[in-house]
Amino acid sequence: IVDTLPTNRIVLKVKMLAAQFIVDACGSRIEAETIIARDRPDLILINLSDQAEDRHGFCRELKDDPETAAIAIISVGIADTARARFAALDAGADDVLPRPINDALLLARIRSLLRVRHARHELMMRDGTSRALGFEETRSGFEAAARIALVSNRVQSGDILAGKLNEGLVLPVLRFETDRILTTTSVSPVPDLFVIDGTHYGDEGRSLFRLVSDLRSRAETRTSTLMVILPDNQPEIAALALDLGADDAVSSTVSGGELVLRAKALVHQKMLHDKLRNTVRNGLQAAVTDPLTGLFNRRYVEPHLARIADQARATQQEFAVMMLDIDHFKSINDRFGHAAG
């Protein structure tokens, strides 16, 4: 927690301790830098309205540094204006929660951001293991354009959201009704970001909750990012949507600039996670493949043969193994090299 006012720090610290988080609280940037360097926190709650220090510049530096870029940042305490919110997000904050802060929404947002951080950390650890074992080389492959889907059953509110997104994005925004988006065969390729218009669900959010949890649980869409658009002053619905798997919950009165910033951040998050997953997948493939011939190696063969043997015993059927060898092939490799061999 980074806040100049002791009262704010104490109130937030009590809430975080009650939620079973380990908390450090400080009042200045210098203190914060010392704590971050020492402990590498998972998340920072920072008051960006302090006039004595350049807190926005501090956020930018944290996001620009590879060592701290993955730390989630929530801006607390700023004025609830479109300009202030945009400035906070543009500086690198992952979300903005003006005071008075709804406790349920704050904790749900923290849980949501920590889920993303832990998933990225897990993928990065696997990626690092693959590289350490020499299974994967760094690639600078082509990145396809992001796909964004707007899910809305209301023409008017859907038009407003589509207008805001199209104005700031160079990507086309596809539009779907709820029933069609759940028919996965009709949505191909699967969108990277679903923007869900939740302003028209009149059943206390139950239909919205079903849609969010359904998209998050399906194999085809579980890695997509989800942004929910809600009416003003619905913190409890926003909190539950986040806990069910939404990556962001935004008011319907959000400015076009802020909406686009949030959409870009979620698309970037999805692309980064996809890249890490592909690296891990390629590394696992490399672990069981001979790099010179492309054939499966011993790591693959031994468990595969064991499964074949188990199946043969279970079905009372025979199986055969054919092995080929070339006499004195080592001399070829020694003389001309393994690539020629």
Protein backbone atom coordinates (compact mmCIF):
# COMPACT_ATOMS: atom_id res chain seq x y z
CA ILE A 1 0.00 0.00 0.00
CA VAL A 2 1.45 3.35 -1.06
CA ASP A 3 -0.41 6.37 0.30
CA THR A 4 0.79 9.61 1.87
CA LEU A 5 -2.09 9.80 4.37
CA PRO A 6 -1.60 7.52 7.41
CA THR A 7 -5.37 7.14 7.87
CA ASN A 8 -5.80 5.75 4.37
CA ARG A 9 -2.90 3.35 4.86
CA ILE A 10 -4.28 2.08 8.17
CA VAL A 11 -7.82 1.52 6.82
CA LEU A 12 -6.57 -0.35 3.75
CA LYS A 13 -4.06 -2.37 5.75
CA VAL A 14 -6.74 -3.52 8.20
CA LYS A 15 -8.96 -4.63 5.31
CA MET A 16 -6.13 -6.51 3.59
CA LEU A 17 -5.00 -8.21 6.80
CA ALA A 18 -8.58 -9.29 7.47
CA ALA A 19 -8.58 -10.89 4.01
CA GLN A 20 -5.44 -12.84 4.99
CA PHE A 21 -2.95 -10.96 2.81
CA ILE A 22 0.59 -10.13 3.89
CA VAL A 23 0.80 -6.35 3.77
CA ASP A 24 3.44 -3.62 3.72
CA ALA A 25 2.30 0.00 3.89
CA CYS A 26 4.36 3.12 3.22
CA GLY A 27 3.91 6.78 2.47
CA SER A 28 6.61 7.64 -0.06
CA ARG A 29 8.02 6.45 -3.34
CA ILE A 30 11.46 5.86 -1.81
CA GLU A 31 9.98 3.57 0.84
CA ALA A 32 7.92 1.78 -1.81
CA GLU A 33 10.96 1.17 -4.02
CA THR A 34 12.82 -0.37 -1.05
CA ILE A 35 9.90 -2.69 -0.23
CA ILE A 36 9.38 -3.69 -3.88
CA ALA A 37 13.07 -4.47 -4.38
CA ARG A 38 13.13 -6.54 -1.18
CA ASP A 39 9.82 -8.42 -1.36
CA ARG A 40 8.60 -8.30 -4.98
CA PRO A 41 4.92 -7.98 -4.01
CA ASP A 42 2.15 -9.56 -6.08
CA LEU A 43 0.03 -6.40 -6.07
CA ILE A 44 0.31 -2.70 -5.23
CA LEU A 45 -2.51 -0.44 -4.02
CA ILE A 46 -1.34 3.09 -4.76
CA ASN A 47 -2.88 6.53 -4.31
CA LEU A 48 -2.01 8.38 -7.52
CA SER A 49 -3.52 11.69 -6.36
CA ASP A 50 -0.50 12.66 -4.23
CA GLN A 51 0.76 16.00 -5.51
CA ALA A 52 4.15 15.81 -3.77
CA GLU A 53 5.45 12.94 -5.92
CA ASP A 54 5.11 11.82 -9.52
CA ARG A 55 3.14 8.67 -8.78
CA HIS A 56 2.08 8.25 -12.42
CA GLY A 57 5.73 8.23 -13.47
CA PHE A 58 6.41 5.67 -10.73
CA CYS A 59 3.75 3.37 -12.19
CA ARG A 60 5.20 3.71 -15.69
CA GLU A 61 8.66 2.83 -14.44
CA LEU A 62 7.33 -0.27 -12.69
CA LYS A 63 5.56 -1.45 -15.86
CA ASP A 64 8.56 -0.68 -18.08
CA ASP A 65 10.96 -2.68 -15.90
CA PRO A 66 10.89 -6.42 -16.80
CA GLU A 67 11.58 -7.26 -13.16
CA THR A 68 8.42 -5.53 -11.91
CA ALA A 69 6.18 -5.42 -15.01
CA ALA A 70 4.04 -8.35 -13.85
CA ILE A 71 3.15 -6.74 -10.51
CA ALA A 72 -0.55 -5.84 -10.53
CA ILE A 73 -1.37 -2.21 -9.72
CA ILE A 74 -4.69 -0.83 -8.50
CA SER A 75 -5.08 2.94 -8.31
CA VAL A 76 -7.08 4.03 -5.28
CA GLY A 77 -8.19 7.44 -4.09
CA ILE A 78 -8.22 9.49 -7.29
CA ALA A 79 -11.13 11.69 -8.32
CA ASP A 80 -13.81 9.72 -10.19
CA THR A 81 -13.49 11.62 -13.46
CA ALA A 82 -12.91 10.31 -16.97
CA ARG A 83 -9.66 12.27 -17.22
CA ALA A 84 -8.25 10.97 -13.92
CA ARG A 85 -9.24 7.39 -14.66
CA PHE A 86 -7.71 7.50 -18.13
CA ALA A 87 -4.47 8.99 -16.77
CA ALA A 88 -4.18 6.23 -14.16
CA LEU A 89 -4.75 3.44 -16.70
CA ASP A 90 -2.42 5.10 -19.19
CA ALA A 91 0.30 5.18 -16.52
CA GLY A 92 0.06 1.42 -16.14
CA ALA A 93 -2.56 0.83 -13.45
CA ASP A 94 -4.53 -2.36 -14.03
CA ASP A 95 -7.67 -0.87 -12.50
CA VAL A 96 -8.95 2.32 -10.90
CA LEU A 97 -11.15 2.30 -7.77
CA PRO A 98 -12.04 5.80 -6.56
CA ARG A 99 -13.10 6.36 -2.97
CA PRO A 100 -15.36 5.43 -1.30
CA ILE A 101 -14.16 1.95 -2.23
CA ASN A 102 -16.62 -0.92 -2.12
CA ASP A 103 -14.90 -3.65 -0.09
CA ALA A 104 -16.44 -6.56 -2.00
CA LEU A 105 -15.43 -5.07 -5.35
CA LEU A 106 -11.90 -4.29 -4.14
CA LEU A 107 -11.30 -7.84 -2.91
CA ALA A 108 -12.84 -9.37 -6.05
CA ARG A 109 -10.61 -7.19 -8.24
CA ILE A 110 -7.55 -8.21 -6.23
CA ARG A 111 -8.47 -11.90 -6.61
CA SER A 112 -8.98 -11.45 -10.36
CA LEU A 113 -5.63 -9.72 -10.88
CA LEU A 114 -3.80 -12.26 -8.72
CA ARG A 115 -5.28 -15.12 -10.78
CA VAL A 116 -3.83 -13.57 -13.91
CA ARG A 117 -0.48 -12.89 -12.25
CA HIS A 118 -0.15 -16.43 -10.90
CA ALA A 119 -1.11 -17.94 -14.27
CA ARG A 120 1.52 -15.83 -16.02
CA HIS A 121 4.12 -16.71 -13.39
CA GLU A 122 3.40 -20.42 -13.85
CA LEU A 123 3.75 -20.15 -17.63
CA MET A 124 6.96 -18.15 -17.32
CA MET A 125 8.44 -20.76 -14.96
CA ARG A 126 7.64 -23.53 -17.45
CA ASP A 127 9.06 -21.42 -20.26
CA GLY A 128 12.23 -20.86 -18.25
CA THR A 129 12.56 -24.58 -17.59
CA SER A 130 12.21 -25.36 -21.29
CA ARG A 131 14.89 -22.83 -22.18
CA ALA A 132 17.21 -24.06 -19.43
CA LEU A 133 16.93 -27.58 -20.81
CA GLY A 134 17.62 -26.35 -24.33
CA PHE A 135 14.20 -27.42 -25.63
CA GLU A 136 13.20 -24.12 -27.15
CA GLU A 137 14.92 -21.26 -28.89
CA THR A 138 13.66 -17.70 -28.85
CA ARG A 139 11.40 -17.04 -31.81
CA SER A 140 10.08 -13.82 -33.27
CA GLY A 141 7.11 -15.32 -35.05
CA PHE A 142 4.29 -13.49 -36.78
CA GLU A 143 1.52 -12.38 -34.45
CA ALA A 144 -1.97 -12.54 -35.91
CA ALA A 145 -4.37 -9.63 -35.43
CA ALA A 146 -6.49 -9.82 -32.30
CA ARG A 147 -10.15 -10.81 -32.55
CA ILE A 148 -12.70 -8.91 -30.46
CA ALA A 149 -16.33 -9.93 -30.03
CA LEU A 150 -19.09 -7.72 -28.62
CA VAL A 151 -21.87 -9.79 -27.05
CA SER A 152 -25.13 -7.88 -26.71
CA ASN A 153 -28.84 -8.64 -26.99
CA ARG A 154 -29.77 -4.94 -27.16
CA VAL A 155 -29.32 -3.01 -30.39
CA GLN A 156 -29.06 0.44 -28.81
CA SER A 157 -26.54 -0.31 -26.06
CA GLY A 158 -24.64 -2.60 -28.43
CA ASP A 159 -24.37 0.23 -30.96
CA ILE A 160 -23.00 2.60 -28.30
CA LEU A 161 -20.35 0.11 -27.16
CA ALA A 162 -19.42 -0.81 -30.72
CA GLY A 163 -19.02 2.88 -31.56
CA LYS A 164 -16.68 3.45 -28.60
CA LEU A 165 -14.57 0.40 -29.47
CA ASN A 166 -14.41 1.04 -33.20
CA GLU A 167 -13.40 4.66 -32.67
CA GLY A 168 -10.20 3.76 -30.81
CA LEU A 169 -9.30 0.34 -32.19
CA VAL A 170 -7.90 -0.48 -35.61
CA LEU A 171 -9.34 -3.99 -35.23
CA PRO A 172 -12.80 -5.01 -36.39
CA VAL A 173 -15.31 -5.70 -33.63
CA LEU A 174 -17.57 -8.66 -34.35
CA ARG A 175 -21.08 -8.59 -32.88
CA PHE A 176 -22.97 -11.57 -31.51
CA GLU A 177 -26.08 -12.28 -29.51
CA THR A 178 -25.72 -14.37 -26.36
CA ASP A 179 -27.32 -17.52 -27.77
CA ARG A 180 -25.05 -17.53 -30.79
CA ILE A 181 -21.84 -16.94 -28.84
CA LEU A 182 -22.55 -20.07 -26.81
CA THR A 183 -22.77 -22.09 -30.03
CA THR A 184 -19.01 -22.39 -30.35
CA THR A 185 -19.16 -23.82 -33.88
CA SER A 186 -20.49 -20.47 -35.09
CA VAL A 187 -17.60 -18.52 -33.56
CA SER A 188 -14.43 -19.40 -35.41
CA PRO A 189 -11.73 -18.41 -34.89
CA VAL A 190 -12.44 -17.92 -31.20
CA PRO A 191 -12.18 -14.24 -30.13
CA ASP A 192 -9.28 -13.11 -27.95
CA LEU A 193 -11.55 -10.69 -26.06
CA PHE A 194 -15.27 -10.92 -25.33
CA VAL A 195 -16.86 -7.58 -24.41
CA ILE A 196 -20.14 -8.57 -22.75
CA ASP A 197 -22.95 -6.02 -22.56
CA GLY A 198 -24.40 -6.67 -19.12
CA THR A 199 -26.58 -3.57 -18.98
CA HIS A 200 -29.75 -5.38 -20.02
CA TYR A 201 -29.81 -8.43 -17.74
CA GLY A 202 -32.84 -7.83 -15.53
CA ASP A 203 -32.71 -11.04 -13.48
CA GLU A 204 -30.25 -9.70 -10.88
CA GLY A 205 -27.39 -10.70 -13.12
CA ARG A 206 -28.05 -14.45 -13.14
CA SER A 207 -28.02 -14.73 -16.95
CA LEU A 208 -24.83 -12.66 -17.07
CA PHE A 209 -23.20 -14.87 -14.45
CA ARG A 210 -24.12 -18.00 -16.39
CA LEU A 211 -22.63 -16.55 -19.56
CA VAL A 212 -19.37 -15.55 -17.86
CA SER A 213 -18.93 -18.90 -16.12
CA ASP A 214 -19.88 -20.77 -19.31
CA LEU A 215 -17.30 -18.94 -21.43
CA ARG A 216 -14.66 -19.41 -18.76
CA SER A 217 -15.32 -23.15 -18.44
CA ARG A 218 -15.52 -24.15 -22.13
CA ALA A 219 -12.35 -25.55 -23.64
CA GLU A 220 -12.68 -23.30 -26.71
CA THR A 221 -13.02 -20.02 -24.81
CA ARG A 222 -11.43 -20.60 -21.41
CA THR A 223 -8.22 -18.74 -22.35
CA SER A 224 -10.05 -15.77 -23.90
CA THR A 225 -10.27 -12.57 -21.87
CA LEU A 226 -13.67 -11.32 -20.69
CA MET A 227 -14.77 -7.74 -20.08
CA VAL A 228 -18.22 -7.12 -18.59
CA ILE A 229 -20.05 -3.81 -19.08
CA LEU A 230 -22.46 -3.05 -16.22
CA PRO A 231 -24.86 -0.29 -15.18
CA ASP A 232 -23.56 2.32 -12.74
CA ASN A 233 -23.56 1.57 -9.02
CA GLN A 234 -23.60 -2.22 -9.28
CA PRO A 235 -20.47 -3.14 -7.27
CA GLU A 236 -21.89 -6.43 -5.96
CA ILE A 237 -22.70 -7.68 -9.47
CA ALA A 238 -19.28 -6.53 -10.68
CA ALA A 239 -17.58 -8.35 -7.80
CA LEU A 240 -19.40 -11.62 -8.49
CA ALA A 241 -18.71 -11.38 -12.23
CA LEU A 242 -14.99 -10.99 -11.47
CA ASP A 243 -15.03 -13.95 -9.08
CA LEU A 244 -16.74 -16.08 -11.73
CA GLY A 245 -13.95 -15.42 -14.19
CA ALA A 246 -14.37 -11.99 -15.79
CA ASP A 247 -11.07 -10.17 -16.30
CA ASP A 248 -12.57 -6.70 -16.04
CA ALA A 249 -15.84 -5.07 -15.02
CA VAL A 250 -16.58 -1.60 -16.35
CA SER A 251 -19.40 0.91 -15.97
CA SER A 252 -21.60 1.53 -19.02
CA THR A 253 -20.81 5.26 -18.76
CA VAL A 254 -17.11 4.61 -19.30
CA SER A 255 -15.46 6.98 -21.77
CA GLY A 256 -14.42 5.68 -25.15
CA GLY A 257 -10.76 6.31 -24.39
CA GLU A 258 -10.84 4.34 -21.13
CA LEU A 259 -12.78 1.47 -22.73
CA VAL A 260 -10.22 1.19 -25.53
CA LEU A 261 -7.31 1.29 -23.05
CA ARG A 262 -8.85 -1.53 -21.05
CA ALA A 263 -9.58 -3.56 -24.19
CA LYS A 264 -6.01 -3.16 -25.43
CA ALA A 265 -4.63 -4.25 -22.06
CA LEU A 266 -6.76 -7.42 -22.08
CA VAL A 267 -5.78 -8.23 -25.67
CA HIS A 268 -2.12 -7.75 -24.77
CA GLN A 269 -2.58 -10.05 -21.75
CA LYS A 270 -4.17 -12.73 -23.95
CA MET A 271 -1.43 -12.50 -26.61
CA LEU A 272 1.31 -12.74 -23.98
CA HIS A 273 -0.26 -15.80 -22.36
CA ASP A 274 -0.77 -17.43 -25.77
CA LYS A 275 2.86 -16.85 -26.62
CA LEU A 276 4.00 -18.37 -23.33
CA ARG A 277 1.69 -21.38 -23.80
CA ASN A 278 3.02 -21.94 -27.32
CA THR A 279 6.59 -21.78 -26.06
CA VAL A 280 5.82 -24.35 -23.37
CA ARG A 281 3.99 -26.55 -25.88
CA ASN A 282 6.90 -26.37 -28.32
CA GLY A 283 9.33 -27.09 -25.50
CA LEU A 284 7.42 -30.21 -24.49
CA GLN A 285 7.37 -31.34 -28.11
CA ALA A 286 11.13 -30.76 -28.35
CA ALA A 287 11.66 -32.80 -25.19
CA VAL A 288 10.39 -35.96 -26.89
CA THR A 289 11.75 -35.31 -30.40
CA ASP A 290 15.16 -35.90 -31.89
CA PRO A 291 16.31 -32.51 -33.25
CA LEU A 292 18.24 -33.99 -36.19
CA THR A 293 15.62 -36.35 -37.62
CA GLY A 294 12.35 -35.06 -36.18
CA LEU A 295 11.58 -38.59 -34.97
CA PHE A 296 10.39 -39.38 -31.45
CA ASN A 297 13.20 -40.13 -29.02
CA ARG A 298 13.61 -42.50 -26.09
CA ARG A 299 11.66 -40.22 -23.73
CA TYR A 300 8.60 -40.78 -25.92
CA VAL A 301 9.21 -44.40 -26.89
CA GLU A 302 9.52 -45.99 -23.45
CA PRO A 303 6.17 -44.88 -21.95
CA HIS A 304 4.48 -45.37 -25.36
CA LEU A 305 5.73 -48.97 -25.57
CA ALA A 306 4.56 -49.56 -22.00
CA ARG A 307 1.03 -48.44 -22.94
CA ILE A 308 1.07 -50.71 -26.01
CA ALA A 309 2.16 -53.64 -23.84
CA ASP A 310 -0.59 -52.92 -21.29
CA GLN A 311 -3.19 -52.77 -24.04
CA ALA A 312 -1.92 -56.04 -25.53
CA ARG A 313 -2.21 -57.78 -22.19
CA ALA A 314 -5.70 -56.41 -21.64
CA THR A 315 -6.92 -57.51 -25.09
CA GLN A 316 -4.91 -60.76 -25.19
CA GLN A 317 -3.40 -59.70 -28.53
CA GLU A 318 0.20 -59.77 -29.65
CA PHE A 319 2.23 -56.75 -30.66
CA ALA A 320 5.57 -56.37 -32.44
CA VAL A 321 8.51 -54.02 -32.25
CA MET A 322 10.72 -53.54 -35.30
CA MET A 323 14.20 -52.11 -34.80
CA LEU A 324 16.58 -50.96 -37.54
CA ASP A 325 20.31 -50.50 -37.14
CA ILE A 326 23.19 -49.61 -39.46
CA ASP A 327 26.52 -51.27 -38.75
CA HIS A 328 29.39 -48.99 -37.78
CA PHE A 329 27.26 -45.88 -38.17
CA LYS A 330 29.25 -44.15 -35.45
CA SER A 331 32.15 -43.89 -37.89
CA ILE A 332 29.95 -41.89 -40.28
CA ASN A 333 29.04 -39.46 -37.51
CA ASP A 334 32.64 -39.20 -36.34
CA ARG A 335 33.95 -38.54 -39.84
CA PHE A 336 31.24 -36.35 -41.38
CA GLY A 337 29.33 -35.04 -38.33
CA HIS A 338 25.89 -35.79 -36.89
CA ALA A 339 24.05 -33.55 -39.35
CA ALA A 340 25.42 -35.50 -42.32
CA GLY A 341 24.74 -38.77 -40.52
